[in-house]
Amino acid sequence: MVAPGSRGQLGEHVGARVHFMFTEDDLLPLSGLQHLAFCERQWALIHLEQQWAESRLTAEGRELHGRTDEPGEHWEEGVLVLRAVPIRSLRLGLSGKADVVEVRDLPNGAREFRPVEYKRGRPKPDRCDEVQLCAQALCLEEMLGVTVASADLFYAQPRRRLTVILDAALRAETERLAARMQQLFRERAAPAAVPSEKCRACSLEGLCLPGAGRRRASRYLQSAVSEALHSAE
């Protein structure tokens, strides 16, 4: 982000306040918000250290997104359906693609823009998916000068949509995570592992080694050597 007072500064005046904007070169992948909301260390391993481990779940998710990653458009019952829509927010420092944006003409003459994000499996107990969807809506609001009050998540396993109300709390959490992601990217350091039950659902568990931090270094080394010798027999 361009520092206040420096050459090339971007800003928006709102009343008596000035909101400093990110430049195009500072934008981070919007998809990273979902990783960050799940676990800061997972985000860092993927986006700072470029580590990745494919699992059945990630493979299924990639296959599902492959169906919406090709840009295009079509009409469906009077609704214009746009696929793989490029989006960005200079205010939040994010860029990415919306799987689908539906455009409707409303009876009052207004036009509604509704992002739809496709996910594998079932709705999650946390708000990771909702944060990613909200970020897409915030991008559309900034780009088009509109208000996006709600959006949809489509889950493949139950094959149904879940409408998400983009209320003040969700918007605030999304903006907080966007700011935190920029901070972590500037620091370029992966946070320490914090073992929890959700580690079992992470495809990077083997790379992250969340259990290692709970052992003394000598015990961990002894265990690793023992396991290696046993597998060699």
Protein backbone atom coordinates (compact mmCIF):
# COMPACT_ATOMS: atom_id res chain seq x y z
CA MET A 1 0.00 0.00 0.00
CA VAL A 2 1.24 3.49 -0.76
CA ALA A 3 2.27 5.18 2.48
CA PRO A 4 0.45 8.38 3.46
CA GLY A 5 2.32 11.41 2.23
CA SER A 6 4.42 9.51 -0.30
CA ARG A 7 4.55 10.06 -4.04
CA GLY A 8 1.87 8.20 -5.97
CA GLN A 9 -0.52 8.10 -3.03
CA LEU A 10 -4.07 7.07 -3.81
CA GLY A 11 -6.91 8.28 -1.66
CA GLU A 12 -10.65 8.77 -1.47
CA HIS A 13 -12.19 11.66 0.44
CA VAL A 14 -15.25 10.69 2.49
CA GLY A 15 -16.50 13.66 4.43
CA ALA A 16 -13.52 14.93 6.43
CA ARG A 17 -11.70 11.58 6.22
CA VAL A 18 -9.35 10.23 3.60
CA HIS A 19 -9.31 6.49 2.87
CA PHE A 20 -5.95 5.40 1.51
CA MET A 21 -6.13 2.86 -1.28
CA PHE A 22 -3.92 0.00 -2.37
CA THR A 23 -2.33 0.04 -5.80
CA GLU A 24 -2.91 -2.73 -8.35
CA ASP A 25 0.52 -4.18 -7.51
CA ASP A 26 -0.44 -4.54 -3.84
CA LEU A 27 -3.55 -6.65 -4.38
CA LEU A 28 -3.60 -10.11 -2.77
CA PRO A 29 -5.69 -13.13 -3.86
CA LEU A 30 -9.21 -12.82 -2.53
CA SER A 31 -9.37 -16.63 -2.23
CA GLY A 32 -6.76 -16.41 0.53
CA LEU A 33 -9.36 -14.98 2.91
CA GLN A 34 -10.95 -18.41 3.24
CA HIS A 35 -7.59 -19.94 4.19
CA LEU A 36 -6.89 -17.11 6.64
CA ALA A 37 -10.30 -17.39 8.29
CA PHE A 38 -9.68 -21.12 8.79
CA CYS A 39 -6.09 -20.80 10.06
CA GLU A 40 -3.45 -18.07 9.76
CA ARG A 41 -0.68 -20.65 9.50
CA GLN A 42 -2.48 -22.46 6.67
CA TRP A 43 -2.70 -19.16 4.79
CA ALA A 44 1.01 -18.50 5.31
CA LEU A 45 2.08 -21.99 4.19
CA ILE A 46 0.07 -21.63 0.97
CA HIS A 47 0.57 -17.97 0.10
CA LEU A 48 3.99 -17.20 1.59
CA GLU A 49 5.79 -20.53 1.35
CA GLN A 50 3.89 -21.88 -1.70
CA GLN A 51 3.24 -25.23 -0.04
CA TRP A 52 0.26 -27.31 -1.05
CA ALA A 53 -0.92 -30.88 -0.52
CA GLU A 54 -3.72 -32.29 -2.65
CA SER A 55 -6.38 -34.34 -0.91
CA ARG A 56 -9.63 -35.90 -2.03
CA LEU A 57 -11.53 -32.87 -0.75
CA THR A 58 -9.33 -30.30 -2.49
CA ALA A 59 -9.38 -32.33 -5.71
CA GLU A 60 -13.17 -32.43 -5.65
CA GLY A 61 -13.32 -28.71 -5.00
CA ARG A 62 -10.94 -28.01 -7.88
CA GLU A 63 -13.05 -30.16 -10.21
CA LEU A 64 -16.22 -28.34 -9.18
CA HIS A 65 -14.64 -24.92 -9.76
CA GLY A 66 -13.36 -26.05 -13.13
CA ARG A 67 -16.94 -25.91 -14.37
CA THR A 68 -17.25 -22.20 -13.52
CA ASP A 69 -13.68 -21.04 -14.22
CA GLU A 70 -14.29 -20.55 -17.94
CA PRO A 71 -15.43 -16.96 -18.62
CA GLY A 72 -18.77 -16.69 -20.35
CA GLU A 73 -22.37 -15.60 -20.06
CA HIS A 74 -25.85 -16.88 -20.72
CA TRP A 75 -29.46 -16.02 -19.96
CA GLU A 76 -31.48 -18.16 -17.59
CA GLU A 77 -35.13 -17.32 -16.93
CA GLY A 78 -34.56 -13.61 -17.50
CA VAL A 79 -31.36 -13.51 -15.45
CA LEU A 80 -27.99 -12.72 -17.02
CA VAL A 81 -25.47 -15.24 -15.62
CA LEU A 82 -21.81 -14.17 -15.83
CA ARG A 83 -19.08 -16.76 -15.13
CA ALA A 84 -15.50 -16.27 -13.88
CA VAL A 85 -15.94 -12.53 -13.36
CA PRO A 86 -12.70 -10.61 -12.57
CA ILE A 87 -13.14 -8.49 -9.43
CA ARG A 88 -10.94 -6.33 -7.23
CA SER A 89 -11.02 -3.86 -4.35
CA LEU A 90 -8.38 -1.17 -4.04
CA ARG A 91 -9.78 -0.29 -0.63
CA LEU A 92 -9.31 -3.80 0.79
CA GLY A 93 -6.30 -4.80 -1.33
CA LEU A 94 -7.96 -7.83 -2.93
CA SER A 95 -8.36 -9.27 -6.41
CA GLY A 96 -9.77 -12.48 -7.80
CA LYS A 97 -12.70 -13.97 -9.65
CA ALA A 98 -16.32 -14.52 -8.73
CA ASP A 99 -17.53 -17.96 -9.83
CA VAL A 100 -20.85 -16.49 -10.95
CA VAL A 101 -22.49 -13.07 -10.84
CA GLU A 102 -26.21 -12.97 -11.59
CA VAL A 103 -27.64 -9.71 -12.94
CA ARG A 104 -31.37 -8.99 -12.57
CA ASP A 105 -33.49 -6.02 -13.57
CA LEU A 106 -35.84 -5.25 -10.67
CA PRO A 107 -39.41 -3.93 -10.97
CA ASN A 108 -38.36 -0.56 -9.50
CA GLY A 109 -35.88 -0.03 -12.36
CA ALA A 110 -32.81 -0.87 -10.30
CA ARG A 111 -30.36 -3.61 -11.24
CA GLU A 112 -29.29 -6.32 -8.80
CA PHE A 113 -25.83 -7.91 -8.88
CA ARG A 114 -25.64 -11.17 -6.94
CA PRO A 115 -22.44 -13.21 -6.53
CA VAL A 116 -22.78 -17.00 -6.30
CA GLU A 117 -19.85 -19.05 -4.96
CA TYR A 118 -19.68 -22.81 -5.66
CA LYS A 119 -18.42 -25.13 -2.91
CA ARG A 120 -18.06 -28.88 -2.55
CA GLY A 121 -19.60 -30.73 0.39
CA ARG A 122 -21.86 -29.28 3.03
CA PRO A 123 -22.08 -25.90 4.77
CA LYS A 124 -19.23 -25.43 7.26
CA PRO A 125 -19.65 -24.71 10.97
CA ASP A 126 -17.45 -21.61 10.66
CA ARG A 127 -17.82 -18.52 8.44
CA CYS A 128 -14.89 -19.16 6.07
CA ASP A 129 -17.09 -19.53 3.01
CA GLU A 130 -19.25 -16.56 3.99
CA VAL A 131 -16.19 -14.32 4.37
CA GLN A 132 -15.00 -15.19 0.86
CA LEU A 133 -18.46 -14.51 -0.54
CA CYS A 134 -18.75 -11.22 1.34
CA ALA A 135 -15.39 -10.09 -0.06
CA GLN A 136 -16.69 -10.71 -3.57
CA ALA A 137 -19.73 -8.57 -2.82
CA LEU A 138 -17.57 -5.77 -1.41
CA CYS A 139 -15.50 -5.83 -4.60
CA LEU A 140 -18.63 -5.53 -6.74
CA GLU A 141 -19.94 -2.67 -4.61
CA GLU A 142 -16.69 -0.74 -5.03
CA MET A 143 -16.37 -1.45 -8.75
CA LEU A 144 -19.97 -0.78 -9.73
CA GLY A 145 -21.16 1.71 -7.11
CA VAL A 146 -24.01 -0.57 -6.04
CA THR A 147 -25.18 -2.19 -2.82
CA VAL A 148 -25.13 -5.98 -2.55
CA ALA A 149 -27.36 -6.93 0.37
CA SER A 150 -27.14 -10.71 0.01
CA ALA A 151 -25.41 -13.42 -1.98
CA ASP A 152 -25.53 -17.20 -2.40
CA LEU A 153 -23.36 -20.22 -1.64
CA PHE A 154 -24.05 -23.31 -3.74
CA TYR A 155 -23.01 -26.57 -2.05
CA ALA A 156 -22.50 -29.52 -4.39
CA GLN A 157 -23.32 -32.38 -2.06
CA PRO A 158 -26.82 -31.29 -1.04
CA ARG A 159 -27.08 -29.45 -4.38
CA ARG A 160 -28.79 -26.42 -2.95
CA ARG A 161 -28.20 -22.74 -2.45
CA LEU A 162 -27.73 -21.04 0.87
CA THR A 163 -28.51 -17.34 0.95
CA VAL A 164 -26.09 -15.26 3.03
CA ILE A 165 -27.18 -11.90 4.40
CA LEU A 166 -24.22 -9.53 4.19
CA ASP A 167 -24.82 -7.81 7.50
CA ALA A 168 -22.57 -5.35 9.33
CA ALA A 169 -20.89 -8.05 11.44
CA LEU A 170 -19.90 -10.16 8.43
CA ARG A 171 -18.66 -7.10 6.53
CA ALA A 172 -16.56 -5.99 9.52
CA GLU A 173 -15.02 -9.48 9.90
CA THR A 174 -14.22 -9.62 6.19
CA GLU A 175 -12.52 -6.23 6.28
CA ARG A 176 -10.60 -7.22 9.42
CA LEU A 177 -9.30 -10.37 7.74
CA ALA A 178 -8.33 -8.46 4.59
CA ALA A 179 -6.27 -6.04 6.70
CA ARG A 180 -4.71 -8.92 8.64
CA MET A 181 -3.78 -10.68 5.40
CA GLN A 182 -1.96 -7.58 4.17
CA GLN A 183 -0.14 -7.33 7.50
CA LEU A 184 1.02 -10.95 7.39
CA PHE A 185 2.12 -10.54 3.79
CA ARG A 186 4.25 -7.52 4.72
CA GLU A 187 5.81 -9.39 7.65
CA ARG A 188 6.55 -12.46 5.49
CA ALA A 189 6.62 -14.81 8.50
CA ALA A 190 4.41 -17.84 9.06
CA PRO A 191 2.64 -17.77 12.45
CA ALA A 192 3.42 -20.61 14.84
CA ALA A 193 1.22 -23.69 14.70
CA VAL A 194 -1.70 -23.74 17.14
CA PRO A 195 -2.91 -27.37 17.27
CA SER A 196 -6.67 -27.87 17.40
CA GLU A 197 -9.37 -30.28 16.28
CA LYS A 198 -9.67 -28.57 12.90
CA CYS A 199 -6.11 -29.62 12.01
CA ARG A 200 -7.53 -33.03 11.08
CA ALA A 201 -9.52 -31.42 8.26
CA CYS A 202 -6.49 -29.59 6.86
CA SER A 203 -4.72 -31.03 3.81
CA LEU A 204 -1.49 -29.41 5.05
CA GLU A 205 -1.44 -31.18 8.41
CA GLY A 206 1.54 -33.30 7.43
CA LEU A 207 3.51 -30.25 6.26
CA CYS A 208 2.52 -28.08 9.19
CA LEU A 209 3.27 -30.77 11.85
CA PRO A 210 0.99 -29.24 14.48
CA GLY A 211 1.85 -31.96 17.01
CA ALA A 212 5.57 -31.31 16.90
CA GLY A 213 5.36 -28.13 18.94
CA ARG A 214 3.93 -30.02 21.89
CA ARG A 215 6.98 -32.26 22.25
CA ARG A 216 10.48 -31.54 23.42
CA ALA A 217 12.92 -31.45 20.53
CA SER A 218 14.75 -34.58 21.73
CA ARG A 219 11.56 -36.64 21.95
CA TYR A 220 10.45 -35.50 18.51
CA LEU A 221 13.79 -36.42 16.97
CA GLN A 222 13.80 -39.83 18.65
CA SER A 223 10.28 -40.52 17.40
CA ALA A 224 11.15 -39.48 13.84
CA VAL A 225 14.24 -41.72 13.79
CA SER A 226 12.30 -44.64 15.23
CA GLU A 227 9.55 -44.32 12.64
CA ALA A 228 12.10 -44.10 9.80
CA LEU A 229 13.94 -47.23 11.01
CA HIS A 230 10.67 -49.14 11.38
CA SER A 231 9.52 -48.26 7.86
CA ALA A 232 12.90 -49.39 6.45
CA GLU A 233 12.58 -52.90 7.95
